[in-house]
Every structure is written in C-alpha cells, then in structure tokens.
N, C-alpha and C. Protein backbone atom coordinates (compact mmCIF):
# COMPACT_ATOMS: atom_id res chain seq x y z
N UNK A 1 -4.78 -15.60 -2.02
CA UNK A 1 -4.29 -15.47 -0.67
C UNK A 1 -5.47 -15.54 0.28
N UNK A 2 -5.33 -16.33 1.32
CA UNK A 2 -6.42 -16.56 2.27
C UNK A 2 -6.60 -15.42 3.25
N UNK A 3 -7.68 -15.53 3.98
CA UNK A 3 -7.99 -14.52 4.98
C UNK A 3 -7.05 -14.67 6.16
N UNK A 4 -6.58 -13.54 6.71
CA UNK A 4 -5.69 -13.58 7.87
C UNK A 4 -6.50 -13.90 9.12
N UNK A 5 -6.07 -14.92 9.86
CA UNK A 5 -6.77 -15.29 11.08
C UNK A 5 -6.38 -14.34 12.20
N UNK A 6 -7.36 -14.00 13.02
CA UNK A 6 -7.03 -13.20 14.19
C UNK A 6 -6.44 -14.12 15.25
N UNK A 7 -5.50 -13.60 15.99
CA UNK A 7 -4.83 -14.42 16.99
C UNK A 7 -5.67 -14.50 18.26
N UNK A 8 -5.68 -15.67 18.86
CA UNK A 8 -6.35 -15.88 20.14
C UNK A 8 -5.31 -15.68 21.23
N UNK A 9 -5.70 -14.99 22.30
CA UNK A 9 -4.73 -14.74 23.38
C UNK A 9 -4.33 -16.04 24.05
N UNK A 10 -3.12 -16.05 24.62
CA UNK A 10 -2.62 -17.25 25.28
C UNK A 10 -3.52 -17.67 26.44
N UNK A 11 -4.11 -16.70 27.13
CA UNK A 11 -4.99 -17.00 28.26
C UNK A 11 -6.21 -17.80 27.83
N UNK A 12 -6.82 -17.40 26.71
CA UNK A 12 -8.00 -18.13 26.22
C UNK A 12 -7.58 -19.53 25.78
N UNK A 13 -6.42 -19.63 25.11
CA UNK A 13 -5.94 -20.95 24.69
C UNK A 13 -5.69 -21.87 25.86
N UNK A 14 -5.05 -21.37 26.92
CA UNK A 14 -4.77 -22.19 28.09
C UNK A 14 -6.05 -22.60 28.81
N UNK A 15 -7.01 -21.68 28.90
CA UNK A 15 -8.30 -21.98 29.52
C UNK A 15 -9.04 -23.05 28.72
N UNK A 16 -8.97 -22.95 27.40
CA UNK A 16 -9.61 -23.95 26.54
C UNK A 16 -9.01 -25.33 26.78
N UNK A 17 -7.69 -25.42 26.82
CA UNK A 17 -7.00 -26.70 27.03
C UNK A 17 -7.32 -27.27 28.42
N UNK A 18 -7.40 -26.37 29.43
CA UNK A 18 -7.72 -26.80 30.78
C UNK A 18 -9.10 -27.48 30.81
N UNK A 19 -10.10 -26.86 30.17
CA UNK A 19 -11.45 -27.44 30.12
C UNK A 19 -11.47 -28.72 29.29
N UNK A 20 -10.68 -28.76 28.22
CA UNK A 20 -10.63 -29.95 27.37
C UNK A 20 -10.04 -31.14 28.13
N UNK A 21 -9.01 -30.87 28.92
CA UNK A 21 -8.40 -31.94 29.72
C UNK A 21 -9.37 -32.47 30.78
N UNK A 22 -10.29 -31.63 31.25
CA UNK A 22 -11.30 -32.05 32.23
C UNK A 22 -12.41 -32.87 31.58
N UNK A 23 -12.45 -32.85 30.23
CA UNK A 23 -13.43 -33.69 29.53
C UNK A 23 -14.63 -32.93 29.01
N UNK A 24 -14.62 -31.62 29.00
CA UNK A 24 -15.76 -30.86 28.47
C UNK A 24 -15.80 -30.97 26.95
N UNK A 25 -17.00 -30.83 26.41
CA UNK A 25 -17.14 -30.89 24.95
C UNK A 25 -16.69 -29.57 24.33
N UNK A 26 -16.41 -29.62 23.03
CA UNK A 26 -15.95 -28.42 22.32
C UNK A 26 -17.03 -27.33 22.35
N UNK A 27 -18.28 -27.73 22.18
CA UNK A 27 -19.37 -26.75 22.19
C UNK A 27 -19.48 -26.08 23.56
N UNK A 28 -19.38 -26.88 24.65
CA UNK A 28 -19.48 -26.34 26.00
C UNK A 28 -18.30 -25.40 26.29
N UNK A 29 -17.08 -25.79 25.85
CA UNK A 29 -15.90 -24.94 26.04
C UNK A 29 -16.08 -23.62 25.29
N UNK A 30 -16.62 -23.69 24.07
CA UNK A 30 -16.87 -22.48 23.29
C UNK A 30 -17.80 -21.52 23.99
N UNK A 31 -18.83 -22.05 24.65
CA UNK A 31 -19.77 -21.20 25.40
C UNK A 31 -19.08 -20.58 26.62
N UNK A 32 -18.21 -21.35 27.28
CA UNK A 32 -17.54 -20.85 28.49
C UNK A 32 -16.57 -19.72 28.14
N UNK A 33 -15.73 -19.97 27.11
CA UNK A 33 -14.69 -18.98 26.77
C UNK A 33 -15.17 -17.95 25.74
N UNK A 34 -16.40 -18.09 25.28
CA UNK A 34 -17.03 -17.14 24.37
C UNK A 34 -16.31 -17.08 23.02
N UNK A 35 -15.99 -18.25 22.46
CA UNK A 35 -15.46 -18.35 21.11
C UNK A 35 -16.24 -19.45 20.39
N UNK A 36 -16.10 -19.53 19.08
CA UNK A 36 -16.87 -20.52 18.31
C UNK A 36 -16.32 -21.93 18.54
N UNK A 37 -17.17 -22.91 18.20
CA UNK A 37 -16.78 -24.32 18.35
C UNK A 37 -15.59 -24.66 17.46
N UNK A 38 -15.55 -24.08 16.25
CA UNK A 38 -14.44 -24.35 15.34
C UNK A 38 -13.12 -23.77 15.87
N UNK A 39 -13.20 -22.64 16.55
CA UNK A 39 -12.00 -22.05 17.15
C UNK A 39 -11.48 -22.95 18.26
N UNK A 40 -12.39 -23.46 19.08
CA UNK A 40 -12.00 -24.39 20.15
C UNK A 40 -11.34 -25.62 19.53
N UNK A 41 -11.94 -26.14 18.45
CA UNK A 41 -11.37 -27.31 17.78
C UNK A 41 -9.96 -27.01 17.26
N UNK A 42 -9.77 -25.82 16.66
CA UNK A 42 -8.45 -25.45 16.14
C UNK A 42 -7.42 -25.32 17.27
N UNK A 43 -7.83 -24.76 18.42
CA UNK A 43 -6.92 -24.62 19.56
C UNK A 43 -6.50 -26.00 20.07
N UNK A 44 -7.45 -26.91 20.18
CA UNK A 44 -7.15 -28.26 20.67
C UNK A 44 -6.24 -29.01 19.70
N UNK A 45 -6.52 -28.91 18.39
CA UNK A 45 -5.68 -29.62 17.42
C UNK A 45 -4.27 -29.01 17.39
N UNK A 46 -4.16 -27.70 17.58
CA UNK A 46 -2.84 -27.06 17.65
C UNK A 46 -2.08 -27.57 18.88
N UNK A 47 -2.80 -27.73 19.99
CA UNK A 47 -2.17 -28.22 21.21
C UNK A 47 -1.70 -29.67 21.05
N UNK A 48 -2.50 -30.46 20.35
CA UNK A 48 -2.11 -31.87 20.13
C UNK A 48 -0.83 -31.97 19.29
N UNK A 49 -0.68 -31.06 18.31
CA UNK A 49 0.49 -31.11 17.44
C UNK A 49 1.75 -30.55 18.12
N UNK A 50 1.61 -29.39 18.77
CA UNK A 50 2.79 -28.66 19.26
C UNK A 50 2.97 -28.71 20.77
N UNK A 51 1.98 -29.24 21.51
CA UNK A 51 2.00 -29.24 22.98
C UNK A 51 2.11 -27.82 23.54
N UNK A 52 1.60 -26.86 22.79
CA UNK A 52 1.62 -25.46 23.23
C UNK A 52 0.47 -24.72 22.56
N UNK A 53 -0.04 -23.68 23.22
CA UNK A 53 -1.09 -22.86 22.62
C UNK A 53 -0.58 -21.47 22.26
N UNK A 54 0.72 -21.25 22.44
CA UNK A 54 1.30 -19.93 22.14
C UNK A 54 1.29 -19.68 20.64
N UNK A 55 1.10 -18.42 20.28
CA UNK A 55 1.09 -18.03 18.87
C UNK A 55 2.52 -17.99 18.34
N UNK A 56 2.70 -18.51 17.14
CA UNK A 56 4.02 -18.48 16.52
C UNK A 56 4.32 -17.06 16.05
N UNK A 57 5.61 -16.68 16.00
CA UNK A 57 5.93 -15.34 15.52
C UNK A 57 5.57 -15.19 14.05
N UNK A 58 5.19 -13.99 13.69
CA UNK A 58 4.80 -13.71 12.31
C UNK A 58 6.02 -13.66 11.41
N UNK A 59 5.79 -13.96 10.14
CA UNK A 59 6.88 -13.85 9.18
C UNK A 59 7.01 -12.39 8.76
N UNK A 60 8.11 -12.06 8.12
CA UNK A 60 8.32 -10.71 7.63
C UNK A 60 9.22 -9.91 8.53
N UNK A 61 9.65 -8.80 8.01
CA UNK A 61 10.57 -7.95 8.73
C UNK A 61 9.84 -7.23 9.86
N UNK A 62 10.43 -7.20 11.07
CA UNK A 62 9.78 -6.46 12.16
C UNK A 62 9.87 -4.96 11.94
N UNK A 63 8.98 -4.24 12.58
CA UNK A 63 8.93 -2.79 12.43
C UNK A 63 10.18 -2.15 13.01
N UNK A 64 10.62 -1.06 12.38
CA UNK A 64 11.76 -0.30 12.91
C UNK A 64 11.31 0.57 14.08
N UNK A 65 10.18 1.24 13.91
CA UNK A 65 9.69 2.16 14.92
C UNK A 65 8.30 1.73 15.38
N UNK A 66 8.03 1.96 16.67
CA UNK A 66 6.70 1.68 17.19
C UNK A 66 5.77 2.82 16.81
N UNK A 67 4.48 2.66 17.06
CA UNK A 67 3.50 3.73 16.77
C UNK A 67 3.87 5.00 17.53
N UNK A 68 4.30 4.85 18.77
CA UNK A 68 4.66 6.00 19.60
C UNK A 68 5.85 6.74 18.98
N UNK A 69 6.85 5.99 18.52
CA UNK A 69 8.03 6.61 17.91
C UNK A 69 7.67 7.28 16.59
N UNK A 70 6.74 6.69 15.84
CA UNK A 70 6.27 7.31 14.60
C UNK A 70 5.59 8.64 14.89
N UNK A 71 4.77 8.68 15.94
CA UNK A 71 4.11 9.94 16.30
C UNK A 71 5.13 10.98 16.72
N UNK A 72 6.22 10.56 17.37
CA UNK A 72 7.29 11.47 17.76
C UNK A 72 7.92 12.09 16.51
N UNK A 73 8.15 11.28 15.49
CA UNK A 73 8.72 11.78 14.23
C UNK A 73 7.78 12.78 13.59
N UNK A 74 6.48 12.48 13.58
CA UNK A 74 5.50 13.39 12.98
C UNK A 74 5.45 14.71 13.74
N UNK A 75 5.54 14.65 15.09
CA UNK A 75 5.55 15.89 15.87
C UNK A 75 6.75 16.75 15.53
N UNK A 76 7.91 16.13 15.31
CA UNK A 76 9.12 16.88 14.94
C UNK A 76 8.92 17.60 13.62
N UNK A 77 8.24 16.95 12.67
CA UNK A 77 7.99 17.59 11.38
C UNK A 77 6.97 18.71 11.51
N UNK A 78 5.99 18.53 12.37
CA UNK A 78 4.99 19.59 12.57
C UNK A 78 5.66 20.82 13.18
N UNK A 79 6.59 20.60 14.13
CA UNK A 79 7.30 21.72 14.75
C UNK A 79 8.20 22.43 13.74
N UNK A 80 8.89 21.67 12.89
CA UNK A 80 9.79 22.26 11.91
C UNK A 80 9.63 21.53 10.58
N UNK A 81 8.77 22.03 9.69
CA UNK A 81 8.51 21.33 8.43
C UNK A 81 9.73 21.25 7.51
N UNK A 82 10.74 22.07 7.72
CA UNK A 82 11.91 22.06 6.84
C UNK A 82 12.96 21.04 7.27
N UNK A 83 12.71 20.27 8.32
CA UNK A 83 13.65 19.26 8.77
C UNK A 83 13.74 18.16 7.71
N UNK A 84 14.95 17.77 7.36
CA UNK A 84 15.13 16.73 6.35
C UNK A 84 14.95 15.35 6.97
N UNK A 85 14.71 14.37 6.11
CA UNK A 85 14.54 12.99 6.58
C UNK A 85 15.83 12.46 7.18
N UNK A 86 16.97 12.91 6.65
CA UNK A 86 18.26 12.46 7.17
C UNK A 86 18.45 12.95 8.60
N UNK A 87 18.12 14.22 8.85
CA UNK A 87 18.24 14.77 10.21
C UNK A 87 17.26 14.09 11.16
N UNK A 88 16.05 13.85 10.69
CA UNK A 88 15.06 13.16 11.53
C UNK A 88 15.53 11.75 11.88
N UNK A 89 16.16 11.08 10.92
CA UNK A 89 16.66 9.73 11.16
C UNK A 89 17.74 9.74 12.24
N UNK A 90 18.66 10.69 12.15
CA UNK A 90 19.74 10.75 13.15
C UNK A 90 19.19 11.11 14.53
N UNK A 91 18.19 12.01 14.59
CA UNK A 91 17.56 12.35 15.88
C UNK A 91 16.84 11.13 16.46
N UNK A 92 16.16 10.38 15.60
CA UNK A 92 15.44 9.19 16.06
C UNK A 92 16.43 8.14 16.56
N UNK A 93 17.57 8.00 15.89
CA UNK A 93 18.57 7.02 16.32
C UNK A 93 19.13 7.40 17.68
N UNK A 94 19.33 8.70 17.90
CA UNK A 94 19.83 9.15 19.20
C UNK A 94 18.79 8.94 20.29
N UNK A 95 17.53 9.21 19.98
CA UNK A 95 16.47 9.13 20.98
C UNK A 95 16.07 7.69 21.31
N UNK A 96 15.99 6.84 20.29
CA UNK A 96 15.44 5.50 20.49
C UNK A 96 16.46 4.38 20.34
N UNK A 97 17.69 4.69 19.99
CA UNK A 97 18.73 3.68 19.75
C UNK A 97 18.28 2.67 18.71
N UNK A 98 17.59 3.13 17.69
CA UNK A 98 17.12 2.29 16.59
C UNK A 98 17.86 2.69 15.33
N UNK A 99 18.41 1.72 14.63
CA UNK A 99 19.05 2.04 13.36
C UNK A 99 18.01 1.96 12.26
N UNK A 100 17.88 3.03 11.51
CA UNK A 100 16.91 3.08 10.42
C UNK A 100 17.50 3.91 9.30
N UNK A 101 16.84 3.86 8.17
CA UNK A 101 17.29 4.62 7.01
C UNK A 101 16.35 5.80 6.79
N UNK A 102 16.84 6.85 6.12
CA UNK A 102 15.97 8.01 5.85
C UNK A 102 14.72 7.64 5.06
N UNK A 103 14.81 6.64 4.20
CA UNK A 103 13.63 6.25 3.44
C UNK A 103 12.53 5.71 4.35
N UNK A 104 12.92 5.08 5.45
CA UNK A 104 11.94 4.60 6.43
C UNK A 104 11.19 5.79 7.03
N UNK A 105 11.92 6.84 7.36
CA UNK A 105 11.29 8.05 7.91
C UNK A 105 10.37 8.67 6.87
N UNK A 106 10.82 8.71 5.62
CA UNK A 106 9.96 9.27 4.56
C UNK A 106 8.67 8.44 4.42
N UNK A 107 8.79 7.12 4.51
CA UNK A 107 7.60 6.25 4.42
C UNK A 107 6.64 6.54 5.57
N UNK A 108 7.18 6.75 6.76
CA UNK A 108 6.34 7.07 7.92
C UNK A 108 5.61 8.39 7.67
N UNK A 109 6.33 9.39 7.18
CA UNK A 109 5.71 10.70 6.94
C UNK A 109 4.65 10.61 5.84
N UNK A 110 4.90 9.81 4.80
CA UNK A 110 3.88 9.62 3.76
C UNK A 110 2.65 8.94 4.33
N UNK A 111 2.87 8.01 5.26
CA UNK A 111 1.76 7.30 5.90
C UNK A 111 0.84 8.29 6.63
N UNK A 112 1.44 9.33 7.22
CA UNK A 112 0.67 10.35 7.93
C UNK A 112 0.36 11.55 7.03
N UNK A 113 0.40 11.37 5.71
CA UNK A 113 0.05 12.38 4.70
C UNK A 113 0.95 13.62 4.72
N UNK A 114 2.22 13.43 4.97
CA UNK A 114 3.18 14.51 4.81
C UNK A 114 4.00 14.20 3.57
N UNK A 115 4.12 15.19 2.69
CA UNK A 115 4.85 14.98 1.44
C UNK A 115 5.82 16.14 1.24
N UNK A 116 6.95 15.86 0.59
CA UNK A 116 7.96 16.90 0.36
C UNK A 116 7.42 17.96 -0.59
N UNK A 117 7.58 19.19 -0.24
CA UNK A 117 7.13 20.29 -1.06
C UNK A 117 8.23 21.35 -1.12
N UNK A 118 8.22 22.13 -2.18
CA UNK A 118 9.16 23.25 -2.30
C UNK A 118 8.41 24.50 -1.85
N UNK A 119 9.02 25.23 -0.94
CA UNK A 119 8.36 26.43 -0.42
C UNK A 119 8.29 27.50 -1.50
N UNK A 120 7.21 28.24 -1.50
CA UNK A 120 7.04 29.32 -2.46
C UNK A 120 7.99 30.46 -2.12
N UNK A 121 8.59 31.03 -3.16
CA UNK A 121 9.50 32.15 -2.94
C UNK A 121 8.68 33.40 -2.64
N UNK A 122 9.00 34.06 -1.54
CA UNK A 122 8.29 35.27 -1.16
C UNK A 122 9.32 36.37 -0.93
N UNK A 123 9.04 37.57 -1.40
CA UNK A 123 10.02 38.63 -1.21
C UNK A 123 10.07 39.07 0.26
N UNK A 124 11.26 39.38 0.71
CA UNK A 124 11.43 39.88 2.06
C UNK A 124 11.08 41.36 2.06
N UNK A 125 10.15 41.75 2.89
CA UNK A 125 9.74 43.15 2.96
C UNK A 125 10.10 43.71 4.34
N UNK A 126 11.01 44.64 4.34
CA UNK A 126 11.35 45.31 5.60
C UNK A 126 10.37 46.47 5.80
N UNK A 127 10.49 47.15 6.94
CA UNK A 127 9.61 48.30 7.20
C UNK A 127 9.87 49.41 6.19
N UNK A 128 11.13 49.55 5.78
CA UNK A 128 11.46 50.58 4.78
C UNK A 128 10.80 50.24 3.43
N UNK A 129 10.81 48.97 3.06
CA UNK A 129 10.16 48.56 1.81
C UNK A 129 8.67 48.84 1.88
N UNK A 130 8.05 48.53 3.01
CA UNK A 130 6.62 48.76 3.17
C UNK A 130 6.28 50.25 3.05
N UNK A 131 7.10 51.08 3.69
CA UNK A 131 6.87 52.53 3.61
C UNK A 131 7.01 53.02 2.17
N UNK A 132 8.04 52.55 1.47
CA UNK A 132 8.26 52.97 0.08
C UNK A 132 7.10 52.53 -0.81
N UNK A 133 6.59 51.32 -0.61
CA UNK A 133 5.45 50.86 -1.39
C UNK A 133 4.20 51.69 -1.11
N UNK A 134 3.99 52.02 0.15
CA UNK A 134 2.83 52.83 0.51
C UNK A 134 2.92 54.21 -0.14
N UNK A 135 4.11 54.81 -0.13
CA UNK A 135 4.29 56.12 -0.78
C UNK A 135 4.05 56.02 -2.28
N UNK A 136 4.55 54.94 -2.89
CA UNK A 136 4.34 54.72 -4.33
C UNK A 136 2.85 54.60 -4.62
N UNK A 137 2.15 53.82 -3.82
CA UNK A 137 0.71 53.65 -4.01
C UNK A 137 -0.04 54.96 -3.84
N UNK A 138 0.34 55.73 -2.83
CA UNK A 138 -0.33 57.02 -2.58
C UNK A 138 -0.11 57.99 -3.73
N UNK A 139 1.06 57.93 -4.35
CA UNK A 139 1.34 58.86 -5.46
C UNK A 139 0.48 58.54 -6.68
N UNK A 140 0.07 57.28 -6.84
CA UNK A 140 -0.73 56.92 -8.01
C UNK A 140 -2.23 56.87 -7.74
N UNK A 141 -2.64 57.01 -6.50
CA UNK A 141 -4.06 56.88 -6.18
C UNK A 141 -4.88 58.06 -6.72
N UNK A 142 -4.25 59.22 -6.87
CA UNK A 142 -4.98 60.42 -7.31
C UNK A 142 -4.93 60.62 -8.83
N UNK A 143 -4.40 59.65 -9.56
CA UNK A 143 -4.32 59.77 -11.01
C UNK A 143 -5.71 59.68 -11.62
N UNK A 144 -5.88 60.35 -12.75
CA UNK A 144 -7.17 60.38 -13.44
C UNK A 144 -7.40 59.08 -14.22
N UNK A 145 -8.67 58.76 -14.53
CA UNK A 145 -8.97 57.53 -15.29
C UNK A 145 -8.29 57.50 -16.66
N UNK A 146 -8.06 58.67 -17.27
CA UNK A 146 -7.39 58.68 -18.58
C UNK A 146 -5.97 58.11 -18.47
N UNK A 147 -5.33 58.39 -17.34
CA UNK A 147 -3.98 57.85 -17.11
C UNK A 147 -4.03 56.33 -17.05
N UNK A 148 -4.99 55.78 -16.32
CA UNK A 148 -5.08 54.33 -16.14
C UNK A 148 -5.49 53.61 -17.43
N UNK A 149 -6.16 54.31 -18.34
CA UNK A 149 -6.50 53.71 -19.62
C UNK A 149 -5.26 53.47 -20.48
N UNK A 150 -4.21 54.22 -20.24
CA UNK A 150 -2.99 54.06 -21.03
C UNK A 150 -1.98 53.11 -20.38
N UNK A 151 -2.33 52.53 -19.22
CA UNK A 151 -1.40 51.65 -18.51
C UNK A 151 -1.61 50.21 -18.98
N UNK A 152 -0.51 49.49 -19.20
CA UNK A 152 -0.55 48.11 -19.62
C UNK A 152 -0.03 47.24 -18.46
N UNK A 153 -0.88 46.31 -17.97
CA UNK A 153 -0.49 45.42 -16.89
C UNK A 153 0.05 44.12 -17.48
N UNK A 154 1.19 43.66 -16.96
CA UNK A 154 1.85 42.47 -17.51
C UNK A 154 2.10 41.48 -16.38
N UNK A 155 1.87 40.20 -16.68
CA UNK A 155 2.19 39.14 -15.73
C UNK A 155 3.57 38.62 -16.08
N UNK A 156 4.53 38.80 -15.17
CA UNK A 156 5.91 38.41 -15.44
C UNK A 156 6.19 37.03 -14.87
N UNK A 157 7.06 36.29 -15.56
CA UNK A 157 7.51 34.98 -15.09
C UNK A 157 9.02 34.95 -15.09
N UNK A 158 9.57 34.15 -14.20
CA UNK A 158 11.02 34.05 -14.07
C UNK A 158 11.47 32.71 -14.65
N UNK A 159 12.54 32.74 -15.45
CA UNK A 159 13.11 31.53 -16.02
C UNK A 159 14.56 31.44 -15.58
N UNK A 160 14.96 30.25 -15.09
CA UNK A 160 16.33 30.04 -14.63
C UNK A 160 17.01 29.12 -15.63
N UNK A 161 18.12 29.58 -16.21
CA UNK A 161 18.82 28.81 -17.22
C UNK A 161 19.88 27.93 -16.58
N UNK A 162 20.69 28.50 -15.70
CA UNK A 162 21.80 27.75 -15.09
C UNK A 162 21.66 27.70 -13.58
N UNK A 163 21.83 26.51 -13.00
CA UNK A 163 21.90 26.38 -11.55
C UNK A 163 20.57 26.51 -10.85
N UNK A 164 20.66 26.62 -9.54
CA UNK A 164 19.47 26.69 -8.69
C UNK A 164 19.26 28.12 -8.23
N UNK A 165 18.03 28.43 -7.89
CA UNK A 165 17.76 29.75 -7.33
C UNK A 165 17.60 29.69 -5.82
N UNK A 166 18.06 28.61 -5.20
CA UNK A 166 18.08 28.52 -3.74
C UNK A 166 16.77 28.13 -3.12
N UNK A 167 15.97 27.31 -3.82
CA UNK A 167 14.70 26.86 -3.23
C UNK A 167 14.98 25.91 -2.09
N UNK A 168 14.12 25.93 -1.09
CA UNK A 168 14.27 25.06 0.07
C UNK A 168 13.13 24.06 0.10
N UNK A 169 13.47 22.83 0.44
CA UNK A 169 12.45 21.78 0.55
C UNK A 169 11.86 21.77 1.94
N UNK A 170 10.63 21.37 2.07
CA UNK A 170 9.97 21.23 3.36
C UNK A 170 8.86 20.22 3.25
N UNK A 171 8.36 19.76 4.39
CA UNK A 171 7.28 18.79 4.40
C UNK A 171 5.95 19.54 4.56
N UNK A 172 4.95 19.12 3.80
CA UNK A 172 3.63 19.72 3.90
C UNK A 172 2.61 18.62 4.04
N UNK A 173 1.61 18.85 4.88
CA UNK A 173 0.56 17.84 5.08
C UNK A 173 -0.53 18.06 4.04
N UNK A 174 -0.95 16.96 3.42
CA UNK A 174 -2.03 17.03 2.44
C UNK A 174 -3.33 16.57 3.08
N UNK A 175 -4.41 17.14 2.63
CA UNK A 175 -5.72 16.78 3.21
C UNK A 175 -6.29 15.63 2.48
C-alpha cells in the first residue's frame, strides 16, 4: 500500500493554475506558492484531465460523530462512569440527530482509553456500623499477647454457584 498523499488546498491549486495559464514555469510557480515542482506538475496534470483542482471525496464510510461530539460523549462518561453505551447512544442521538449504534460509542470510549470494568463490591457502613466496629476494636485492644498468639487469621473468599450477585458495570479510564 502506497503512502497517503496530503491534500493541497483549493486556493493553492487555483493559484497554481492561474500562474500556469499566464505562462510561468513549474519551478517558478513552486517558489511562488511554496510547494515543490513535482506538486505543481501534479496539480497542472490533474487540471488538464478533470478541468478542476478540487480534491475528490475520500473513499470509505464517513464518520458518525465529529471530534467535538466524541469529546461530549467522553465528558458524559467522566461525569457518570456507570452510564451504559446504549444510554449514551440515545442521548447522543437526541443531542446531535445522528443515528449510531452502541458499538460505535464503545469504540469511541476505547479510543480515549475508557474500558468497561466491574465495580468492586464494598460493604455499606452506616454510622451505627462504624460505632459498633469501634467498640469491637476497643474491646480487643487491651488483650494480652498470649491471647493474640492463640488467634488464627483467615482470608475468606466468596463463591457464587447460581445467578448473579448484583455487580454493576462501569467505565474506567486506563493509563
């Protein structure tokens, strides 16, 4: 696959053709418009074939969202990381009148290093729970070292056999 050519603006192309019609050389035109002699030659040969210097439209599917709209989607995720791609898609359709699919939104978020993550389960601690824990801790703080030598500490794990335990998905940014 060849190198992608950068597009020359229509203004430079028209200026090049104007000088060419006046009889200037390709090298002189290149110095005036500040492009190479080969670029001037390509612009002139394109004009001879098509009678126009306008750039042809690119092949491929056009973008669904502009850069600005993509940043809007990213801001929505930053404000609420638990927003689903389906909800973001419907909000974007309402805001921009663009029809898109949730996978498009997911691709945009991946582009900005946001990936779906499952939030860690954390116990809810009310003020009463905190007070009870503090009392429990205070009751054991005065125990003698002999007592602590007889204590066995165990790391417990939870296993779920049937169904879900209600985990929630959210988007997280990776570094």
